[in-house]
C-alpha cells in the first residue's frame, strides 16, 4: 500500500520531533489555519472583567476563614 504525502511528511519529519516540538508545531498550524479562515476576527473578544461576580451565589453565607480551616483539616 502506498503511503500518501501527508503520512510520509509525518513519518519523516514530524514523528522524530520531541513531544514539546510537536505541540509547538500543532500550535503554529492551528494559528495559521485560524488566520486563513478569518476565525480570529469572527470570534468575539471578551474581557476578563466580564467574569466579575460570576458564581458569587456559591459563596453566599460562607465564612472564608471557616472554609479555609475545613480545607486544611482535610489535608491531615
PDB file of N, CA and C in Angstrom:
ATOM      1  N   UNK A   1       0.851  -1.188   0.000  1.00  0.00           N
ATOM      2  CA  UNK A   1       0.000   0.000   0.000  1.00  0.00           C
ATOM      3  C   UNK A   1       0.890   1.243   0.000  1.00  0.00           C
ATOM      4  N   UNK A   2       0.600   2.167  -0.859  1.00  0.00           N
ATOM      5  CA  UNK A   2       1.386   3.389  -0.985  1.00  0.00           C
ATOM      6  C   UNK A   2       1.060   4.345   0.162  1.00  0.00           C
ATOM      7  N   UNK A   3       2.094   4.979   0.676  1.00  0.00           N
ATOM      8  CA  UNK A   3       1.925   5.960   1.749  1.00  0.00           C
ATOM      9  C   UNK A   3       1.628   7.305   1.105  1.00  0.00           C
ATOM     10  N   UNK A   4       0.566   7.968   1.577  1.00  0.00           N
ATOM     11  CA  UNK A   4       0.241   9.265   0.990  1.00  0.00           C
ATOM     12  C   UNK A   4       1.236  10.331   1.467  1.00  0.00           C
ATOM     13  N   UNK A   5       1.226  11.464   0.827  1.00  0.00           N
ATOM     14  CA  UNK A   5       2.206  12.523   1.072  1.00  0.00           C
ATOM     15  C   UNK A   5       2.164  13.004   2.525  1.00  0.00           C
ATOM     16  N   UNK A   6       0.980  13.170   3.073  1.00  0.00           N
ATOM     17  CA  UNK A   6       0.851  13.640   4.448  1.00  0.00           C
ATOM     18  C   UNK A   6       1.473  12.652   5.416  1.00  0.00           C
ATOM     19  N   UNK A   7       1.187  11.379   5.238  1.00  0.00           N
ATOM     20  CA  UNK A   7       1.752  10.335   6.087  1.00  0.00           C
ATOM     21  C   UNK A   7       3.272  10.301   5.954  1.00  0.00           C
ATOM     22  N   UNK A   8       3.767  10.490   4.768  1.00  0.00           N
ATOM     23  CA  UNK A   8       5.205  10.489   4.525  1.00  0.00           C
ATOM     24  C   UNK A   8       5.877  11.667   5.251  1.00  0.00           C
ATOM     25  N   UNK A   9       5.279  12.834   5.160  1.00  0.00           N
ATOM     26  CA  UNK A   9       5.816  14.009   5.856  1.00  0.00           C
ATOM     27  C   UNK A   9       5.828  13.755   7.360  1.00  0.00           C
ATOM     28  N   UNK A  10       4.732  13.194   7.860  1.00  0.00           N
ATOM     29  CA  UNK A  10       4.653  12.913   9.292  1.00  0.00           C
ATOM     30  C   UNK A  10       5.754  11.947   9.726  1.00  0.00           C
ATOM     31  N   UNK A  11       5.873  10.847   9.017  1.00  0.00           N
ATOM     32  CA  UNK A  11       6.838   9.816   9.395  1.00  0.00           C
ATOM     33  C   UNK A  11       8.281  10.322   9.323  1.00  0.00           C
ATOM     34  N   UNK A  12       8.587  11.092   8.293  1.00  0.00           N
ATOM     35  CA  UNK A  12       9.966  11.533   8.087  1.00  0.00           C
ATOM     36  C   UNK A  12      10.360  12.759   8.901  1.00  0.00           C
ATOM     37  N   UNK A  13       9.431  13.682   9.085  1.00  0.00           N
ATOM     38  CA  UNK A  13       9.810  14.973   9.646  1.00  0.00           C
ATOM     39  C   UNK A  13       9.187  15.293  11.003  1.00  0.00           C
ATOM     40  N   UNK A  14       8.009  14.799  11.258  1.00  0.00           N
ATOM     41  CA  UNK A  14       7.304  15.206  12.469  1.00  0.00           C
ATOM     42  C   UNK A  14       7.453  14.184  13.594  1.00  0.00           C
ATOM     43  N   UNK A  15       7.287  12.934  13.279  1.00  0.00           N
ATOM     44  CA  UNK A  15       7.366  11.890  14.304  1.00  0.00           C
ATOM     45  C   UNK A  15       8.694  11.906  15.064  1.00  0.00           C
ATOM     46  N   UNK A  16       9.825  12.186  14.413  1.00  0.00           N
ATOM     47  CA  UNK A  16      11.099  12.228  15.152  1.00  0.00           C
ATOM     48  C   UNK A  16      11.223  13.393  16.140  1.00  0.00           C
ATOM     49  N   UNK A  17      10.361  14.394  16.034  1.00  0.00           N
ATOM     50  CA  UNK A  17      10.424  15.545  16.938  1.00  0.00           C
ATOM     51  C   UNK A  17      10.042  15.134  18.353  1.00  0.00           C
ATOM     52  N   UNK A  18      10.483  15.919  19.314  1.00  0.00           N
ATOM     53  CA  UNK A  18      10.099  15.679  20.705  1.00  0.00           C
ATOM     54  C   UNK A  18       8.624  16.048  20.875  1.00  0.00           C
ATOM     55  N   UNK A  19       7.978  15.541  21.920  1.00  0.00           N
ATOM     56  CA  UNK A  19       6.578  15.919  22.153  1.00  0.00           C
ATOM     57  C   UNK A  19       6.367  17.429  22.241  1.00  0.00           C
ATOM     58  N   UNK A  20       7.263  18.144  22.902  1.00  0.00           N
ATOM     59  CA  UNK A  20       7.089  19.601  23.005  1.00  0.00           C
ATOM     60  C   UNK A  20       7.244  20.285  21.651  1.00  0.00           C
ATOM     61  N   UNK A  21       8.121  19.770  20.813  1.00  0.00           N
ATOM     62  CA  UNK A  21       8.267  20.332  19.473  1.00  0.00           C
ATOM     63  C   UNK A  21       7.027  20.058  18.627  1.00  0.00           C
ATOM     64  N   UNK A  22       6.457  18.865  18.785  1.00  0.00           N
ATOM     65  CA  UNK A  22       5.236  18.543  18.036  1.00  0.00           C
ATOM     66  C   UNK A  22       4.066  19.401  18.497  1.00  0.00           C
ATOM     67  N   UNK A  23       3.979  19.654  19.816  1.00  0.00           N
ATOM     68  CA  UNK A  23       2.921  20.535  20.312  1.00  0.00           C
ATOM     69  C   UNK A  23       3.093  21.951  19.780  1.00  0.00           C
ATOM     70  N   UNK A  24       4.319  22.420  19.732  1.00  0.00           N
ATOM     71  CA  UNK A  24       4.584  23.754  19.179  1.00  0.00           C
ATOM     72  C   UNK A  24       4.184  23.813  17.706  1.00  0.00           C
ATOM     73  N   UNK A  25       4.439  22.735  16.984  1.00  0.00           N
ATOM     74  CA  UNK A  25       4.057  22.666  15.570  1.00  0.00           C
ATOM     75  C   UNK A  25       2.539  22.694  15.416  1.00  0.00           C
ATOM     76  N   UNK A  26       1.840  21.962  16.268  1.00  0.00           N
ATOM     77  CA  UNK A  26       0.375  21.975  16.235  1.00  0.00           C
ATOM     78  C   UNK A  26      -0.137  23.387  16.474  1.00  0.00           C
ATOM     79  N   UNK A  27       0.461  24.085  17.435  1.00  0.00           N
ATOM     80  CA  UNK A  27       0.050  25.454  17.731  1.00  0.00           C
ATOM     81  C   UNK A  27       0.248  26.361  16.522  1.00  0.00           C
ATOM     82  N   UNK A  28       1.384  26.227  15.862  1.00  0.00           N
ATOM     83  CA  UNK A  28       1.650  27.034  14.670  1.00  0.00           C
ATOM     84  C   UNK A  28       0.646  26.750  13.561  1.00  0.00           C
ATOM     85  N   UNK A  29       0.374  25.481  13.341  1.00  0.00           N
ATOM     86  CA  UNK A  29      -0.576  25.096  12.286  1.00  0.00           C
ATOM     87  C   UNK A  29      -1.970  25.608  12.614  1.00  0.00           C
ATOM     88  N   UNK A  30      -2.392  25.446  13.866  1.00  0.00           N
ATOM     89  CA  UNK A  30      -3.725  25.906  14.270  1.00  0.00           C
ATOM     90  C   UNK A  30      -3.860  27.414  14.110  1.00  0.00           C
ATOM     91  N   UNK A  31      -2.831  28.143  14.524  1.00  0.00           N
ATOM     92  CA  UNK A  31      -2.861  29.601  14.391  1.00  0.00           C
ATOM     93  C   UNK A  31      -2.931  30.008  12.921  1.00  0.00           C
ATOM     94  N   UNK A  32      -2.150  29.343  12.090  1.00  0.00           N
ATOM     95  CA  UNK A  32      -2.143  29.634  10.664  1.00  0.00           C
ATOM     96  C   UNK A  32      -3.514  29.369  10.041  1.00  0.00           C
ATOM     97  N   UNK A  33      -4.116  28.240  10.398  1.00  0.00           N
ATOM     98  CA  UNK A  33      -5.436  27.915   9.863  1.00  0.00           C
ATOM     99  C   UNK A  33      -6.495  28.902  10.339  1.00  0.00           C
ATOM    100  N   UNK A  34      -6.401  29.287  11.597  1.00  0.00           N
ATOM    101  CA  UNK A  34      -7.371  30.236  12.134  1.00  0.00           C
ATOM    102  C   UNK A  34      -7.275  31.571  11.410  1.00  0.00           C
ATOM    103  N   UNK A  35      -6.081  32.013  11.150  1.00  0.00           N
ATOM    104  CA  UNK A  35      -5.889  33.290  10.453  1.00  0.00           C
ATOM    105  C   UNK A  35      -6.393  33.190   9.023  1.00  0.00           C
ATOM    106  N   UNK A  36      -6.089  32.089   8.369  1.00  0.00           N
ATOM    107  CA  UNK A  36      -6.526  31.919   6.988  1.00  0.00           C
ATOM    108  C   UNK A  36      -8.048  31.892   6.871  1.00  0.00           C
ATOM    109  N   UNK A  37      -8.710  31.388   7.875  1.00  0.00           N
ATOM    110  CA  UNK A  37     -10.173  31.288   7.832  1.00  0.00           C
ATOM    111  C   UNK A  37     -10.851  32.475   8.494  1.00  0.00           C
ATOM    112  N   UNK A  38     -10.099  33.500   8.812  1.00  0.00           N
ATOM    113  CA  UNK A  38     -10.633  34.675   9.499  1.00  0.00           C
ATOM    114  C   UNK A  38     -11.369  34.301  10.778  1.00  0.00           C
ATOM    115  N   UNK A  39     -11.000  33.171  11.361  1.00  0.00           N
ATOM    116  CA  UNK A  39     -11.650  32.712  12.584  1.00  0.00           C
ATOM    117  C   UNK A  39     -11.419  33.688  13.722  1.00  0.00           C
ATOM    118  N   UNK A  40     -10.226  34.208  13.816  1.00  0.00           N
ATOM    119  CA  UNK A  40      -9.886  35.106  14.915  1.00  0.00           C
ATOM    120  C   UNK A  40     -10.744  36.370  14.862  1.00  0.00           C
ATOM    121  N   UNK A  41     -10.948  36.913  13.646  1.00  0.00           N
ATOM    122  CA  UNK A  41     -11.755  38.122  13.516  1.00  0.00           C
ATOM    123  C   UNK A  41     -13.236  37.855  13.792  1.00  0.00           C
ATOM    124  N   UNK A  42     -13.713  36.648  13.500  1.00  0.00           N
ATOM    125  CA  UNK A  42     -15.125  36.324  13.700  1.00  0.00           C
ATOM    126  C   UNK A  42     -15.437  35.996  15.158  1.00  0.00           C
ATOM    127  N   UNK A  43     -14.418  35.614  15.912  1.00  0.00           N
ATOM    128  CA  UNK A  43     -14.618  35.245  17.303  1.00  0.00           C
ATOM    129  C   UNK A  43     -14.741  36.512  18.145  1.00  0.00           C
ATOM    130  N   UNK A  44     -15.839  36.622  18.914  1.00  0.00           N
ATOM    131  CA  UNK A  44     -15.989  37.830  19.735  1.00  0.00           C
ATOM    132  C   UNK A  44     -14.899  37.894  20.803  1.00  0.00           C
ATOM    133  N   UNK A  45     -14.407  39.082  21.044  1.00  0.00           N
ATOM    134  CA  UNK A  45     -13.382  39.293  22.056  1.00  0.00           C
ATOM    135  C   UNK A  45     -14.070  39.507  23.401  1.00  0.00           C
ATOM    136  N   UNK A  46     -13.466  38.977  24.440  1.00  0.00           N
ATOM    137  CA  UNK A  46     -14.013  39.129  25.782  1.00  0.00           C
ATOM    138  C   UNK A  46     -12.961  39.743  26.689  1.00  0.00           C
ATOM    139  N   UNK A  47     -13.433  40.339  27.742  1.00  0.00           N
ATOM    140  CA  UNK A  47     -12.571  40.953  28.723  1.00  0.00           C
ATOM    141  C   UNK A  47     -12.715  40.158  30.016  1.00  0.00           C
ATOM    142  N   UNK A  48     -11.626  39.967  30.734  1.00  0.00           N
ATOM    143  CA  UNK A  48     -11.636  39.199  31.969  1.00  0.00           C
ATOM    144  C   UNK A  48     -12.609  39.787  32.990  1.00  0.00           C
ATOM    145  N   UNK A  49     -12.837  41.083  32.915  1.00  0.00           N
ATOM    146  CA  UNK A  49     -13.746  41.708  33.879  1.00  0.00           C
ATOM    147  C   UNK A  49     -15.194  41.267  33.689  1.00  0.00           C
ATOM    148  N   UNK A  50     -15.512  40.643  32.546  1.00  0.00           N
ATOM    149  CA  UNK A  50     -16.855  40.120  32.333  1.00  0.00           C
ATOM    150  C   UNK A  50     -17.186  38.998  33.318  1.00  0.00           C
ATOM    151  N   UNK A  51     -16.164  38.401  33.884  1.00  0.00           N
ATOM    152  CA  UNK A  51     -16.361  37.305  34.836  1.00  0.00           C
ATOM    153  C   UNK A  51     -16.602  37.790  36.256  1.00  0.00           C
ATOM    154  N   UNK A  52     -16.481  39.089  36.477  1.00  0.00           N
ATOM    155  CA  UNK A  52     -16.664  39.649  37.815  1.00  0.00           C
ATOM    156  C   UNK A  52     -18.030  39.271  38.380  1.00  0.00           C
ATOM    157  N   UNK A  53     -18.015  38.675  39.553  1.00  0.00           N
ATOM    158  CA  UNK A  53     -19.253  38.320  40.232  1.00  0.00           C
ATOM    159  C   UNK A  53     -19.857  36.995  39.792  1.00  0.00           C
ATOM    160  N   UNK A  54     -19.276  36.367  38.794  1.00  0.00           N
ATOM    161  CA  UNK A  54     -19.814  35.103  38.297  1.00  0.00           C
ATOM    162  C   UNK A  54     -19.651  34.016  39.365  1.00  0.00           C
ATOM    163  N   UNK A  55     -20.734  33.375  39.722  1.00  0.00           N
ATOM    164  CA  UNK A  55     -20.712  32.298  40.708  1.00  0.00           C
ATOM    165  C   UNK A  55     -20.705  32.773  42.146  1.00  0.00           C
ATOM    166  N   UNK A  56     -20.947  34.046  42.370  1.00  0.00           N
ATOM    167  CA  UNK A  56     -20.877  34.566  43.738  1.00  0.00           C
ATOM    168  C   UNK A  56     -21.925  33.932  44.644  1.00  0.00           C
ATOM    169  N   UNK A  57     -23.014  33.437  44.074  1.00  0.00           N
ATOM    170  CA  UNK A  57     -24.049  32.820  44.902  1.00  0.00           C
ATOM    171  C   UNK A  57     -23.559  31.538  45.568  1.00  0.00           C
ATOM    172  N   UNK A  58     -22.536  30.912  44.995  1.00  0.00           N
ATOM    173  CA  UNK A  58     -21.973  29.689  45.573  1.00  0.00           C
ATOM    174  C   UNK A  58     -21.365  29.973  46.947  1.00  0.00           C
ATOM    175  N   UNK A  59     -20.769  31.148  47.101  1.00  0.00           N
ATOM    176  CA  UNK A  59     -20.059  31.501  48.326  1.00  0.00           C
ATOM    177  C   UNK A  59     -20.919  32.276  49.310  1.00  0.00           C
ATOM    178  N   UNK A  60     -22.139  32.573  48.928  1.00  0.00           N
ATOM    179  CA  UNK A  60     -23.013  33.364  49.775  1.00  0.00           C
ATOM    180  C   UNK A  60     -23.239  32.664  51.112  1.00  0.00           C
ATOM    181  N   UNK A  61     -23.041  33.389  52.199  1.00  0.00           N
ATOM    182  CA  UNK A  61     -23.278  32.849  53.531  1.00  0.00           C
ATOM    183  C   UNK A  61     -22.140  32.010  54.088  1.00  0.00           C
ATOM    184  N   UNK A  62     -21.067  31.846  53.342  1.00  0.00           N
ATOM    185  CA  UNK A  62     -19.924  31.078  53.832  1.00  0.00           C
ATOM    186  C   UNK A  62     -18.875  32.014  54.420  1.00  0.00           C
ATOM    187  N   UNK A  63     -18.357  31.640  55.576  1.00  0.00           N
ATOM    188  CA  UNK A  63     -17.277  32.392  56.178  1.00  0.00           C
ATOM    189  C   UNK A  63     -15.963  31.914  55.556  1.00  0.00           C
ATOM    190  N   UNK A  64     -15.178  32.829  55.043  1.00  0.00           N
ATOM    191  CA  UNK A  64     -13.957  32.468  54.334  1.00  0.00           C
ATOM    192  C   UNK A  64     -12.982  31.702  55.220  1.00  0.00           C
ATOM    193  N   UNK A  65     -12.815  32.162  56.465  1.00  0.00           N
ATOM    194  CA  UNK A  65     -11.860  31.505  57.355  1.00  0.00           C
ATOM    195  C   UNK A  65     -12.316  30.097  57.718  1.00  0.00           C
ATOM    196  N   UNK A  66     -13.602  29.919  57.945  1.00  0.00           N
ATOM    197  CA  UNK A  66     -14.123  28.583  58.245  1.00  0.00           C
ATOM    198  C   UNK A  66     -13.918  27.643  57.056  1.00  0.00           C
ATOM    199  N   UNK A  67     -14.108  28.162  55.873  1.00  0.00           N
ATOM    200  CA  UNK A  67     -13.909  27.363  54.664  1.00  0.00           C
ATOM    201  C   UNK A  67     -12.461  26.908  54.554  1.00  0.00           C
ATOM    202  N   UNK A  68     -11.533  27.841  54.759  1.00  0.00           N
ATOM    203  CA  UNK A  68     -10.110  27.513  54.682  1.00  0.00           C
ATOM    204  C   UNK A  68      -9.734  26.514  55.773  1.00  0.00           C
ATOM    205  N   UNK A  69     -10.236  26.719  56.974  1.00  0.00           N
ATOM    206  CA  UNK A  69      -9.950  25.788  58.077  1.00  0.00           C
ATOM    207  C   UNK A  69     -10.448  24.382  57.737  1.00  0.00           C
ATOM    208  N   UNK A  70     -11.612  24.283  57.139  1.00  0.00           N
ATOM    209  CA  UNK A  70     -12.151  22.986  56.734  1.00  0.00           C
ATOM    210  C   UNK A  70     -11.269  22.303  55.703  1.00  0.00           C
ATOM    211  N   UNK A  71     -10.758  23.076  54.749  1.00  0.00           N
ATOM    212  CA  UNK A  71      -9.854  22.514  53.745  1.00  0.00           C
ATOM    213  C   UNK A  71      -8.570  22.008  54.389  1.00  0.00           C
ATOM    214  N   UNK A  72      -8.057  22.771  55.328  1.00  0.00           N
ATOM    215  CA  UNK A  72      -6.810  22.371  55.992  1.00  0.00           C
ATOM    216  C   UNK A  72      -7.000  21.093  56.801  1.00  0.00           C
ATOM    217  N   UNK A  73      -8.165  20.904  57.400  1.00  0.00           N
ATOM    218  CA  UNK A  73      -8.450  19.679  58.160  1.00  0.00           C
ATOM    219  C   UNK A  73      -8.421  18.459  57.232  1.00  0.00           C
ATOM    220  N   UNK A  74      -8.832  18.647  55.981  1.00  0.00           N
ATOM    221  CA  UNK A  74      -8.848  17.542  55.019  1.00  0.00           C
ATOM    222  C   UNK A  74      -7.440  17.079  54.669  1.00  0.00           C
ATOM    223  N   UNK A  75      -6.452  17.944  54.837  1.00  0.00           N
ATOM    224  CA  UNK A  75      -5.071  17.595  54.484  1.00  0.00           C
ATOM    225  C   UNK A  75      -4.496  16.556  55.433  1.00  0.00           C
ATOM    226  N   UNK A  76      -4.969  16.556  56.671  1.00  0.00           N
ATOM    227  CA  UNK A  76      -4.388  15.661  57.689  1.00  0.00           C
ATOM    228  C   UNK A  76      -4.951  14.289  57.650  1.00  0.00           C
TER     229      UNK A  76
END
